[in-house]
Amino acid sequence: MKGDSDKFIRLLNHELIHKLCADNTTGINWHFKIQKMFKKENFQTANHVMVQAIFEALFTDILKKPKEVVRDIKECQDMPNYKRAWEIVKEEGYKNIIAKLKF
């Protein structure tokens, strides 16, 4: 990370979201659910739609640091699956994706 604490915090939160989606007490397989929602996308892209929608909610609504979302999107431009996931989140809206996941 070499002194970039904001990047470290973004990465840490990204990985924690993955972990929370996998280790939940609801018994819901979130990975299966998101893959079903985005059938045309590969597993990594679909999985990251969920992660990045939650990431955007966290940094925008809770931490009040929406610039970190912009930075994350910029950092993902060279990673096709992550880039595509962000495109979907921006097209559909993170709140809409999260609302669909709740049902």
PDB file of N, CA and C in Angstrom:
ATOM      1  N   MET A   1       0.814  -1.193   0.000  1.00  0.00           N
ATOM      2  CA  MET A   1       0.000   0.000   0.000  1.00  0.00           C
ATOM      3  C   MET A   1       0.859   1.258   0.000  1.00  0.00           C
ATOM      4  N   LYS A   2       2.047   1.188   0.587  1.00  0.00           N
ATOM      5  CA  LYS A   2       2.998   2.286   0.601  1.00  0.00           C
ATOM      6  C   LYS A   2       2.376   3.620   1.011  1.00  0.00           C
ATOM      7  N   GLY A   3       1.755   3.663   2.176  1.00  0.00           N
ATOM      8  CA  GLY A   3       1.281   4.921   2.728  1.00  0.00           C
ATOM      9  C   GLY A   3      -0.090   5.363   2.266  1.00  0.00           C
ATOM     10  N   ASP A   4      -0.716   4.640   1.373  1.00  0.00           N
ATOM     11  CA  ASP A   4      -2.044   5.024   0.904  1.00  0.00           C
ATOM     12  C   ASP A   4      -3.108   4.376   1.790  1.00  0.00           C
ATOM     13  N   SER A   5      -3.382   5.022   2.906  1.00  0.00           N
ATOM     14  CA  SER A   5      -4.323   4.435   3.871  1.00  0.00           C
ATOM     15  C   SER A   5      -5.747   4.389   3.326  1.00  0.00           C
ATOM     16  N   ASP A   6      -6.138   5.337   2.484  1.00  0.00           N
ATOM     17  CA  ASP A   6      -7.483   5.304   1.901  1.00  0.00           C
ATOM     18  C   ASP A   6      -7.658   4.083   1.003  1.00  0.00           C
ATOM     19  N   LYS A   7      -6.635   3.775   0.226  1.00  0.00           N
ATOM     20  CA  LYS A   7      -6.699   2.587  -0.632  1.00  0.00           C
ATOM     21  C   LYS A   7      -6.771   1.322   0.221  1.00  0.00           C
ATOM     22  N   PHE A   8      -5.999   1.279   1.282  1.00  0.00           N
ATOM     23  CA  PHE A   8      -6.037   0.131   2.185  1.00  0.00           C
ATOM     24  C   PHE A   8      -7.432  -0.034   2.782  1.00  0.00           C
ATOM     25  N   ILE A   9      -8.056   1.058   3.198  1.00  0.00           N
ATOM     26  CA  ILE A   9      -9.399   1.005   3.786  1.00  0.00           C
ATOM     27  C   ILE A   9     -10.414   0.528   2.751  1.00  0.00           C
ATOM     28  N   ARG A  10     -10.287   0.996   1.502  1.00  0.00           N
ATOM     29  CA  ARG A  10     -11.187   0.526   0.445  1.00  0.00           C
ATOM     30  C   ARG A  10     -11.033  -0.979   0.236  1.00  0.00           C
ATOM     31  N   LEU A  11      -9.793  -1.435   0.138  1.00  0.00           N
ATOM     32  CA  LEU A  11      -9.530  -2.856  -0.079  1.00  0.00           C
ATOM     33  C   LEU A  11     -10.027  -3.702   1.099  1.00  0.00           C
ATOM     34  N   LEU A  12      -9.744  -3.241   2.300  1.00  0.00           N
ATOM     35  CA  LEU A  12     -10.190  -3.965   3.490  1.00  0.00           C
ATOM     36  C   LEU A  12     -11.710  -4.090   3.519  1.00  0.00           C
ATOM     37  N   ASN A  13     -12.406  -3.006   3.236  1.00  0.00           N
ATOM     38  CA  ASN A  13     -13.871  -3.057   3.229  1.00  0.00           C
ATOM     39  C   ASN A  13     -14.394  -3.966   2.123  1.00  0.00           C
ATOM     40  N   HIS A  14     -13.771  -3.925   0.967  1.00  0.00           N
ATOM     41  CA  HIS A  14     -14.152  -4.807  -0.135  1.00  0.00           C
ATOM     42  C   HIS A  14     -14.072  -6.270   0.312  1.00  0.00           C
ATOM     43  N   GLU A  15     -12.949  -6.630   0.919  1.00  0.00           N
ATOM     44  CA  GLU A  15     -12.762  -8.014   1.361  1.00  0.00           C
ATOM     45  C   GLU A  15     -13.689  -8.383   2.517  1.00  0.00           C
ATOM     46  N   LEU A  16     -13.943  -7.446   3.405  1.00  0.00           N
ATOM     47  CA  LEU A  16     -14.881  -7.712   4.504  1.00  0.00           C
ATOM     48  C   LEU A  16     -16.299  -7.936   3.987  1.00  0.00           C
ATOM     49  N   ILE A  17     -16.688  -7.210   2.971  1.00  0.00           N
ATOM     50  CA  ILE A  17     -18.009  -7.428   2.372  1.00  0.00           C
ATOM     51  C   ILE A  17     -18.088  -8.841   1.804  1.00  0.00           C
ATOM     52  N   HIS A  18     -17.050  -9.282   1.097  1.00  0.00           N
ATOM     53  CA  HIS A  18     -17.006 -10.671   0.614  1.00  0.00           C
ATOM     54  C   HIS A  18     -17.216 -11.641   1.772  1.00  0.00           C
ATOM     55  N   LYS A  19     -16.467 -11.431   2.830  1.00  0.00           N
ATOM     56  CA  LYS A  19     -16.515 -12.338   3.981  1.00  0.00           C
ATOM     57  C   LYS A  19     -17.893 -12.337   4.636  1.00  0.00           C
ATOM     58  N   LEU A  20     -18.471 -11.171   4.813  1.00  0.00           N
ATOM     59  CA  LEU A  20     -19.791 -11.078   5.435  1.00  0.00           C
ATOM     60  C   LEU A  20     -20.866 -11.750   4.585  1.00  0.00           C
ATOM     61  N   CYS A  21     -20.735 -11.670   3.278  1.00  0.00           N
ATOM     62  CA  CYS A  21     -21.703 -12.328   2.399  1.00  0.00           C
ATOM     63  C   CYS A  21     -21.573 -13.848   2.452  1.00  0.00           C
ATOM     64  N   ALA A  22     -20.369 -14.325   2.692  1.00  0.00           N
ATOM     65  CA  ALA A  22     -20.135 -15.771   2.774  1.00  0.00           C
ATOM     66  C   ALA A  22     -20.462 -16.315   4.158  1.00  0.00           C
ATOM     67  N   ASP A  23     -20.093 -15.585   5.192  1.00  0.00           N
ATOM     68  CA  ASP A  23     -20.293 -16.036   6.580  1.00  0.00           C
ATOM     69  C   ASP A  23     -21.487 -15.330   7.203  1.00  0.00           C
ATOM     70  N   ASN A  24     -22.668 -15.704   6.742  1.00  0.00           N
ATOM     71  CA  ASN A  24     -23.858 -15.067   7.299  1.00  0.00           C
ATOM     72  C   ASN A  24     -24.682 -16.097   8.051  1.00  0.00           C
ATOM     73  N   THR A  25     -25.518 -15.643   8.928  1.00  0.00           N
ATOM     74  CA  THR A  25     -26.322 -16.550   9.747  1.00  0.00           C
ATOM     75  C   THR A  25     -27.716 -16.763   9.167  1.00  0.00           C
ATOM     76  N   THR A  26     -28.013 -16.123   8.037  1.00  0.00           N
ATOM     77  CA  THR A  26     -29.349 -16.247   7.457  1.00  0.00           C
ATOM     78  C   THR A  26     -29.527 -17.537   6.676  1.00  0.00           C
ATOM     79  N   GLY A  27     -28.420 -18.162   6.305  1.00  0.00           N
ATOM     80  CA  GLY A  27     -28.506 -19.378   5.506  1.00  0.00           C
ATOM     81  C   GLY A  27     -28.755 -19.102   4.029  1.00  0.00           C
ATOM     82  N   ILE A  28     -28.754 -17.835   3.651  1.00  0.00           N
ATOM     83  CA  ILE A  28     -28.962 -17.468   2.255  1.00  0.00           C
ATOM     84  C   ILE A  28     -27.625 -17.545   1.522  1.00  0.00           C
ATOM     85  N   ASN A  29     -27.638 -18.194   0.378  1.00  0.00           N
ATOM     86  CA  ASN A  29     -26.449 -18.237  -0.455  1.00  0.00           C
ATOM     87  C   ASN A  29     -26.475 -17.003  -1.353  1.00  0.00           C
ATOM     88  N   TRP A  30     -25.841 -15.930  -0.897  1.00  0.00           N
ATOM     89  CA  TRP A  30     -25.854 -14.657  -1.620  1.00  0.00           C
ATOM     90  C   TRP A  30     -25.202 -14.771  -2.981  1.00  0.00           C
ATOM     91  N   HIS A  31     -24.176 -15.604  -3.086  1.00  0.00           N
ATOM     92  CA  HIS A  31     -23.490 -15.768  -4.364  1.00  0.00           C
ATOM     93  C   HIS A  31     -24.417 -16.396  -5.407  1.00  0.00           C
ATOM     94  N   PHE A  32     -25.194 -17.384  -4.984  1.00  0.00           N
ATOM     95  CA  PHE A  32     -26.167 -18.015  -5.875  1.00  0.00           C
ATOM     96  C   PHE A  32     -27.249 -17.014  -6.267  1.00  0.00           C
ATOM     97  N   LYS A  33     -27.702 -16.246  -5.292  1.00  0.00           N
ATOM     98  CA  LYS A  33     -28.773 -15.285  -5.541  1.00  0.00           C
ATOM     99  C   LYS A  33     -28.343 -14.211  -6.544  1.00  0.00           C
ATOM    100  N   ILE A  34     -27.149 -13.675  -6.391  1.00  0.00           N
ATOM    101  CA  ILE A  34     -26.686 -12.626  -7.305  1.00  0.00           C
ATOM    102  C   ILE A  34     -26.404 -13.199  -8.684  1.00  0.00           C
ATOM    103  N   GLN A  35     -25.903 -14.435  -8.741  1.00  0.00           N
ATOM    104  CA  GLN A  35     -25.654 -15.070 -10.038  1.00  0.00           C
ATOM    105  C   GLN A  35     -26.972 -15.277 -10.771  1.00  0.00           C
ATOM    106  N   LYS A  36     -28.011 -15.613 -10.055  1.00  0.00           N
ATOM    107  CA  LYS A  36     -29.333 -15.794 -10.652  1.00  0.00           C
ATOM    108  C   LYS A  36     -29.880 -14.466 -11.181  1.00  0.00           C
ATOM    109  N   MET A  37     -29.582 -13.372 -10.481  1.00  0.00           N
ATOM    110  CA  MET A  37     -30.032 -12.048 -10.903  1.00  0.00           C
ATOM    111  C   MET A  37     -29.319 -11.580 -12.172  1.00  0.00           C
ATOM    112  N   PHE A  38     -28.061 -11.971 -12.321  1.00  0.00           N
ATOM    113  CA  PHE A  38     -27.249 -11.520 -13.456  1.00  0.00           C
ATOM    114  C   PHE A  38     -26.730 -12.729 -14.228  1.00  0.00           C
ATOM    115  N   LYS A  39     -27.657 -13.475 -14.802  1.00  0.00           N
ATOM    116  CA  LYS A  39     -27.357 -14.734 -15.482  1.00  0.00           C
ATOM    117  C   LYS A  39     -26.391 -14.573 -16.657  1.00  0.00           C
ATOM    118  N   LYS A  40     -26.422 -13.437 -17.301  1.00  0.00           N
ATOM    119  CA  LYS A  40     -25.583 -13.233 -18.484  1.00  0.00           C
ATOM    120  C   LYS A  40     -24.129 -12.918 -18.126  1.00  0.00           C
ATOM    121  N   GLU A  41     -23.886 -12.631 -16.869  1.00  0.00           N
ATOM    122  CA  GLU A  41     -22.532 -12.257 -16.439  1.00  0.00           C
ATOM    123  C   GLU A  41     -21.813 -13.468 -15.852  1.00  0.00           C
ATOM    124  N   ASN A  42     -20.498 -13.477 -15.941  1.00  0.00           N
ATOM    125  CA  ASN A  42     -19.754 -14.573 -15.333  1.00  0.00           C
ATOM    126  C   ASN A  42     -19.803 -14.434 -13.805  1.00  0.00           C
ATOM    127  N   PHE A  43     -19.382 -15.483 -13.116  1.00  0.00           N
ATOM    128  CA  PHE A  43     -19.500 -15.522 -11.658  1.00  0.00           C
ATOM    129  C   PHE A  43     -18.776 -14.362 -10.990  1.00  0.00           C
ATOM    130  N   GLN A  44     -17.554 -14.082 -11.425  1.00  0.00           N
ATOM    131  CA  GLN A  44     -16.778 -13.020 -10.770  1.00  0.00           C
ATOM    132  C   GLN A  44     -17.452 -11.659 -10.949  1.00  0.00           C
ATOM    133  N   THR A  45     -17.959 -11.391 -12.131  1.00  0.00           N
ATOM    134  CA  THR A  45     -18.639 -10.117 -12.362  1.00  0.00           C
ATOM    135  C   THR A  45     -19.900 -10.034 -11.511  1.00  0.00           C
ATOM    136  N   ALA A  46     -20.742 -11.049 -11.563  1.00  0.00           N
ATOM    137  CA  ALA A  46     -21.988 -11.033 -10.789  1.00  0.00           C
ATOM    138  C   ALA A  46     -21.711 -10.884  -9.300  1.00  0.00           C
ATOM    139  N   ASN A  47     -20.743 -11.621  -8.804  1.00  0.00           N
ATOM    140  CA  ASN A  47     -20.387 -11.553  -7.391  1.00  0.00           C
ATOM    141  C   ASN A  47     -19.951 -10.138  -7.010  1.00  0.00           C
ATOM    142  N   HIS A  48     -19.218  -9.499  -7.896  1.00  0.00           N
ATOM    143  CA  HIS A  48     -18.740  -8.152  -7.598  1.00  0.00           C
ATOM    144  C   HIS A  48     -19.815  -7.082  -7.780  1.00  0.00           C
ATOM    145  N   VAL A  49     -20.867  -7.383  -8.509  1.00  0.00           N
ATOM    146  CA  VAL A  49     -22.007  -6.454  -8.528  1.00  0.00           C
ATOM    147  C   VAL A  49     -22.543  -6.320  -7.107  1.00  0.00           C
ATOM    148  N   MET A  50     -22.702  -7.438  -6.426  1.00  0.00           N
ATOM    149  CA  MET A  50     -23.187  -7.422  -5.049  1.00  0.00           C
ATOM    150  C   MET A  50     -22.193  -6.701  -4.148  1.00  0.00           C
ATOM    151  N   VAL A  51     -20.935  -7.071  -4.219  1.00  0.00           N
ATOM    152  CA  VAL A  51     -19.917  -6.473  -3.358  1.00  0.00           C
ATOM    153  C   VAL A  51     -19.835  -4.973  -3.589  1.00  0.00           C
ATOM    154  N   GLN A  52     -19.820  -4.561  -4.837  1.00  0.00           N
ATOM    155  CA  GLN A  52     -19.642  -3.147  -5.123  1.00  0.00           C
ATOM    156  C   GLN A  52     -20.897  -2.327  -4.836  1.00  0.00           C
ATOM    157  N   ALA A  53     -22.068  -2.932  -4.941  1.00  0.00           N
ATOM    158  CA  ALA A  53     -23.286  -2.225  -4.542  1.00  0.00           C
ATOM    159  C   ALA A  53     -23.257  -1.958  -3.033  1.00  0.00           C
ATOM    160  N   ILE A  54     -22.871  -2.953  -2.266  1.00  0.00           N
ATOM    161  CA  ILE A  54     -22.762  -2.777  -0.814  1.00  0.00           C
ATOM    162  C   ILE A  54     -21.642  -1.794  -0.492  1.00  0.00           C
ATOM    163  N   PHE A  55     -20.536  -1.891  -1.200  1.00  0.00           N
ATOM    164  CA  PHE A  55     -19.414  -0.970  -1.030  1.00  0.00           C
ATOM    165  C   PHE A  55     -19.875   0.473  -1.246  1.00  0.00           C
ATOM    166  N   GLU A  56     -20.627   0.700  -2.315  1.00  0.00           N
ATOM    167  CA  GLU A  56     -21.097   2.063  -2.594  1.00  0.00           C
ATOM    168  C   GLU A  56     -22.049   2.543  -1.496  1.00  0.00           C
ATOM    169  N   ALA A  57     -22.928   1.694  -1.033  1.00  0.00           N
ATOM    170  CA  ALA A  57     -23.826   2.077   0.062  1.00  0.00           C
ATOM    171  C   ALA A  57     -23.025   2.440   1.308  1.00  0.00           C
ATOM    172  N   LEU A  58     -22.029   1.634   1.627  1.00  0.00           N
ATOM    173  CA  LEU A  58     -21.200   1.877   2.806  1.00  0.00           C
ATOM    174  C   LEU A  58     -20.481   3.220   2.717  1.00  0.00           C
ATOM    175  N   PHE A  59     -19.790   3.453   1.601  1.00  0.00           N
ATOM    176  CA  PHE A  59     -18.989   4.668   1.488  1.00  0.00           C
ATOM    177  C   PHE A  59     -19.830   5.917   1.219  1.00  0.00           C
ATOM    178  N   THR A  60     -20.996   5.761   0.607  1.00  0.00           N
ATOM    179  CA  THR A  60     -21.830   6.912   0.299  1.00  0.00           C
ATOM    180  C   THR A  60     -22.764   7.256   1.460  1.00  0.00           C
ATOM    181  N   ASP A  61     -23.493   6.271   1.932  1.00  0.00           N
ATOM    182  CA  ASP A  61     -24.553   6.531   2.912  1.00  0.00           C
ATOM    183  C   ASP A  61     -24.096   6.473   4.365  1.00  0.00           C
ATOM    184  N   ILE A  62     -23.118   5.644   4.658  1.00  0.00           N
ATOM    185  CA  ILE A  62     -22.702   5.462   6.053  1.00  0.00           C
ATOM    186  C   ILE A  62     -21.439   6.262   6.367  1.00  0.00           C
ATOM    187  N   LEU A  63     -20.394   6.065   5.575  1.00  0.00           N
ATOM    188  CA  LEU A  63     -19.125   6.746   5.854  1.00  0.00           C
ATOM    189  C   LEU A  63     -19.069   8.166   5.294  1.00  0.00           C
ATOM    190  N   LYS A  64     -20.011   8.478   4.406  1.00  0.00           N
ATOM    191  CA  LYS A  64     -20.085   9.823   3.796  1.00  0.00           C
ATOM    192  C   LYS A  64     -18.781  10.187   3.076  1.00  0.00           C
ATOM    193  N   LYS A  65     -18.255   9.205   2.321  1.00  0.00           N
ATOM    194  CA  LYS A  65     -17.026   9.415   1.552  1.00  0.00           C
ATOM    195  C   LYS A  65     -17.229   8.915   0.115  1.00  0.00           C
ATOM    196  N   PRO A  66     -18.145   9.538  -0.618  1.00  0.00           N
ATOM    197  CA  PRO A  66     -18.428   9.063  -1.979  1.00  0.00           C
ATOM    198  C   PRO A  66     -17.237   9.166  -2.932  1.00  0.00           C
ATOM    199  N   LYS A  67     -16.265  10.016  -2.621  1.00  0.00           N
ATOM    200  CA  LYS A  67     -15.075  10.108  -3.482  1.00  0.00           C
ATOM    201  C   LYS A  67     -14.298   8.803  -3.486  1.00  0.00           C
ATOM    202  N   GLU A  68     -14.425   8.010  -2.421  1.00  0.00           N
ATOM    203  CA  GLU A  68     -13.746   6.713  -2.377  1.00  0.00           C
ATOM    204  C   GLU A  68     -14.358   5.748  -3.391  1.00  0.00           C
ATOM    205  N   VAL A  69     -15.642   5.894  -3.661  1.00  0.00           N
ATOM    206  CA  VAL A  69     -16.296   5.079  -4.691  1.00  0.00           C
ATOM    207  C   VAL A  69     -15.714   5.442  -6.054  1.00  0.00           C
ATOM    208  N   VAL A  70     -15.584   6.722  -6.306  1.00  0.00           N
ATOM    209  CA  VAL A  70     -15.005   7.187  -7.573  1.00  0.00           C
ATOM    210  C   VAL A  70     -13.588   6.655  -7.731  1.00  0.00           C
ATOM    211  N   ARG A  71     -12.821   6.688  -6.661  1.00  0.00           N
ATOM    212  CA  ARG A  71     -11.442   6.181  -6.716  1.00  0.00           C
ATOM    213  C   ARG A  71     -11.426   4.682  -6.990  1.00  0.00           C
ATOM    214  N   ASP A  72     -12.325   3.949  -6.355  1.00  0.00           N
ATOM    215  CA  ASP A  72     -12.370   2.500  -6.564  1.00  0.00           C
ATOM    216  C   ASP A  72     -12.739   2.178  -8.011  1.00  0.00           C
ATOM    217  N   ILE A  73     -13.708   2.886  -8.545  1.00  0.00           N
ATOM    218  CA  ILE A  73     -14.097   2.671  -9.940  1.00  0.00           C
ATOM    219  C   ILE A  73     -12.896   2.917 -10.856  1.00  0.00           C
ATOM    220  N   LYS A  74     -12.171   3.975 -10.605  1.00  0.00           N
ATOM    221  CA  LYS A  74     -10.990   4.301 -11.417  1.00  0.00           C
ATOM    222  C   LYS A  74      -9.942   3.195 -11.325  1.00  0.00           C
ATOM    223  N   GLU A  75      -9.725   2.664 -10.131  1.00  0.00           N
ATOM    224  CA  GLU A  75      -8.732   1.606  -9.942  1.00  0.00           C
ATOM    225  C   GLU A  75      -9.135   0.291 -10.606  1.00  0.00           C
ATOM    226  N   CYS A  76     -10.409   0.114 -10.863  1.00  0.00           N
ATOM    227  CA  CYS A  76     -10.907  -1.130 -11.450  1.00  0.00           C
ATOM    228  C   CYS A  76     -10.933  -1.120 -12.976  1.00  0.00           C
ATOM    229  N   GLN A  77     -10.543  -0.049 -13.589  1.00  0.00           N
ATOM    230  CA  GLN A  77     -10.648   0.072 -15.046  1.00  0.00           C
ATOM    231  C   GLN A  77      -9.802  -0.938 -15.812  1.00  0.00           C
ATOM    232  N   ASP A  78      -8.734  -1.421 -15.208  1.00  0.00           N
ATOM    233  CA  ASP A  78      -7.880  -2.405 -15.884  1.00  0.00           C
ATOM    234  C   ASP A  78      -8.245  -3.848 -15.548  1.00  0.00           C
ATOM    235  N   MET A  79      -9.333  -4.033 -14.809  1.00  0.00           N
ATOM    236  CA  MET A  79      -9.783  -5.375 -14.435  1.00  0.00           C
ATOM    237  C   MET A  79     -11.187  -5.580 -15.012  1.00  0.00           C
ATOM    238  N   PRO A  80     -11.296  -6.284 -16.139  1.00  0.00           N
ATOM    239  CA  PRO A  80     -12.563  -6.352 -16.877  1.00  0.00           C
ATOM    240  C   PRO A  80     -13.789  -6.764 -16.059  1.00  0.00           C
ATOM    241  N   ASN A  81     -13.671  -7.765 -15.201  1.00  0.00           N
ATOM    242  CA  ASN A  81     -14.837  -8.213 -14.426  1.00  0.00           C
ATOM    243  C   ASN A  81     -15.260  -7.177 -13.384  1.00  0.00           C
ATOM    244  N   TYR A  82     -14.299  -6.560 -12.750  1.00  0.00           N
ATOM    245  CA  TYR A  82     -14.589  -5.526 -11.767  1.00  0.00           C
ATOM    246  C   TYR A  82     -15.167  -4.287 -12.453  1.00  0.00           C
ATOM    247  N   LYS A  83     -14.570  -3.932 -13.580  1.00  0.00           N
ATOM    248  CA  LYS A  83     -15.055  -2.777 -14.352  1.00  0.00           C
ATOM    249  C   LYS A  83     -16.503  -3.005 -14.774  1.00  0.00           C
ATOM    250  N   ARG A  84     -16.788  -4.193 -15.306  1.00  0.00           N
ATOM    251  CA  ARG A  84     -18.158  -4.517 -15.737  1.00  0.00           C
ATOM    252  C   ARG A  84     -19.119  -4.477 -14.555  1.00  0.00           C
ATOM    253  N   ALA A  85     -18.689  -4.994 -13.415  1.00  0.00           N
ATOM    254  CA  ALA A  85     -19.553  -4.975 -12.227  1.00  0.00           C
ATOM    255  C   ALA A  85     -19.892  -3.544 -11.843  1.00  0.00           C
ATOM    256  N   TRP A  86     -18.901  -2.652 -11.862  1.00  0.00           N
ATOM    257  CA  TRP A  86     -19.172  -1.245 -11.548  1.00  0.00           C
ATOM    258  C   TRP A  86     -20.122  -0.625 -12.571  1.00  0.00           C
ATOM    259  N   GLU A  87     -19.975  -0.987 -13.847  1.00  0.00           N
ATOM    260  CA  GLU A  87     -20.886  -0.481 -14.871  1.00  0.00           C
ATOM    261  C   GLU A  87     -22.325  -0.870 -14.548  1.00  0.00           C
ATOM    262  N   ILE A  88     -22.515  -2.115 -14.144  1.00  0.00           N
ATOM    263  CA  ILE A  88     -23.859  -2.599 -13.797  1.00  0.00           C
ATOM    264  C   ILE A  88     -24.388  -1.856 -12.581  1.00  0.00           C
ATOM    265  N   VAL A  89     -23.554  -1.686 -11.557  1.00  0.00           N
ATOM    266  CA  VAL A  89     -23.985  -0.976 -10.346  1.00  0.00           C
ATOM    267  C   VAL A  89     -24.401   0.448 -10.699  1.00  0.00           C
ATOM    268  N   LYS A  90     -23.644   1.111 -11.540  1.00  0.00           N
ATOM    269  CA  LYS A  90     -23.973   2.485 -11.910  1.00  0.00           C
ATOM    270  C   LYS A  90     -25.232   2.538 -12.773  1.00  0.00           C
ATOM    271  N   GLU A  91     -25.422   1.560 -13.661  1.00  0.00           N
ATOM    272  CA  GLU A  91     -26.612   1.512 -14.523  1.00  0.00           C
ATOM    273  C   GLU A  91     -27.882   1.244 -13.718  1.00  0.00           C
ATOM    274  N   GLU A  92     -27.806   0.277 -12.814  1.00  0.00           N
ATOM    275  CA  GLU A  92     -28.995  -0.163 -12.089  1.00  0.00           C
ATOM    276  C   GLU A  92     -29.198   0.564 -10.766  1.00  0.00           C
ATOM    277  N   GLY A  93     -28.124   1.116 -10.220  1.00  0.00           N
ATOM    278  CA  GLY A  93     -28.204   1.805  -8.941  1.00  0.00           C
ATOM    279  C   GLY A  93     -27.971   0.858  -7.783  1.00  0.00           C
ATOM    280  N   TYR A  94     -27.065   1.236  -6.903  1.00  0.00           N
ATOM    281  CA  TYR A  94     -26.725   0.349  -5.789  1.00  0.00           C
ATOM    282  C   TYR A  94     -27.916   0.089  -4.878  1.00  0.00           C
ATOM    283  N   LYS A  95     -28.763   1.087  -4.676  1.00  0.00           N
ATOM    284  CA  LYS A  95     -29.936   0.884  -3.814  1.00  0.00           C
ATOM    285  C   LYS A  95     -30.908  -0.117  -4.422  1.00  0.00           C
ATOM    286  N   ASN A  96     -31.087  -0.064  -5.731  1.00  0.00           N
ATOM    287  CA  ASN A  96     -31.976  -1.017  -6.407  1.00  0.00           C
ATOM    288  C   ASN A  96     -31.438  -2.442  -6.320  1.00  0.00           C
ATOM    289  N   ILE A  97     -30.144  -2.597  -6.505  1.00  0.00           N
ATOM    290  CA  ILE A  97     -29.529  -3.932  -6.421  1.00  0.00           C
ATOM    291  C   ILE A  97     -29.686  -4.494  -5.015  1.00  0.00           C
ATOM    292  N   ILE A  98     -29.392  -3.684  -4.024  1.00  0.00           N
ATOM    293  CA  ILE A  98     -29.513  -4.135  -2.625  1.00  0.00           C
ATOM    294  C   ILE A  98     -30.971  -4.481  -2.313  1.00  0.00           C
ATOM    295  N   ALA A  99     -31.906  -3.670  -2.798  1.00  0.00           N
ATOM    296  CA  ALA A  99     -33.325  -3.954  -2.556  1.00  0.00           C
ATOM    297  C   ALA A  99     -33.728  -5.285  -3.171  1.00  0.00           C
ATOM    298  N   LYS A 100     -33.242  -5.587  -4.373  1.00  0.00           N
ATOM    299  CA  LYS A 100     -33.541  -6.859  -5.023  1.00  0.00           C
ATOM    300  C   LYS A 100     -32.948  -8.032  -4.260  1.00  0.00           C
ATOM    301  N   LEU A 101     -31.778  -7.838  -3.682  1.00  0.00           N
ATOM    302  CA  LEU A 101     -31.144  -8.901  -2.921  1.00  0.00           C
ATOM    303  C   LEU A 101     -31.905  -9.236  -1.643  1.00  0.00           C
ATOM    304  N   LYS A 102     -32.627  -8.275  -1.115  1.00  0.00           N
ATOM    305  CA  LYS A 102     -33.357  -8.491   0.142  1.00  0.00           C
ATOM    306  C   LYS A 102     -34.539  -9.443  -0.028  1.00  0.00           C
ATOM    307  N   PHE A 103     -35.033  -9.591  -1.245  1.00  0.00           N
ATOM    308  CA  PHE A 103     -36.201 -10.458  -1.445  1.00  0.00           C
ATOM    309  C   PHE A 103     -35.800 -11.852  -1.809  1.00  0.00           C
TER     310      PHE A 103
END
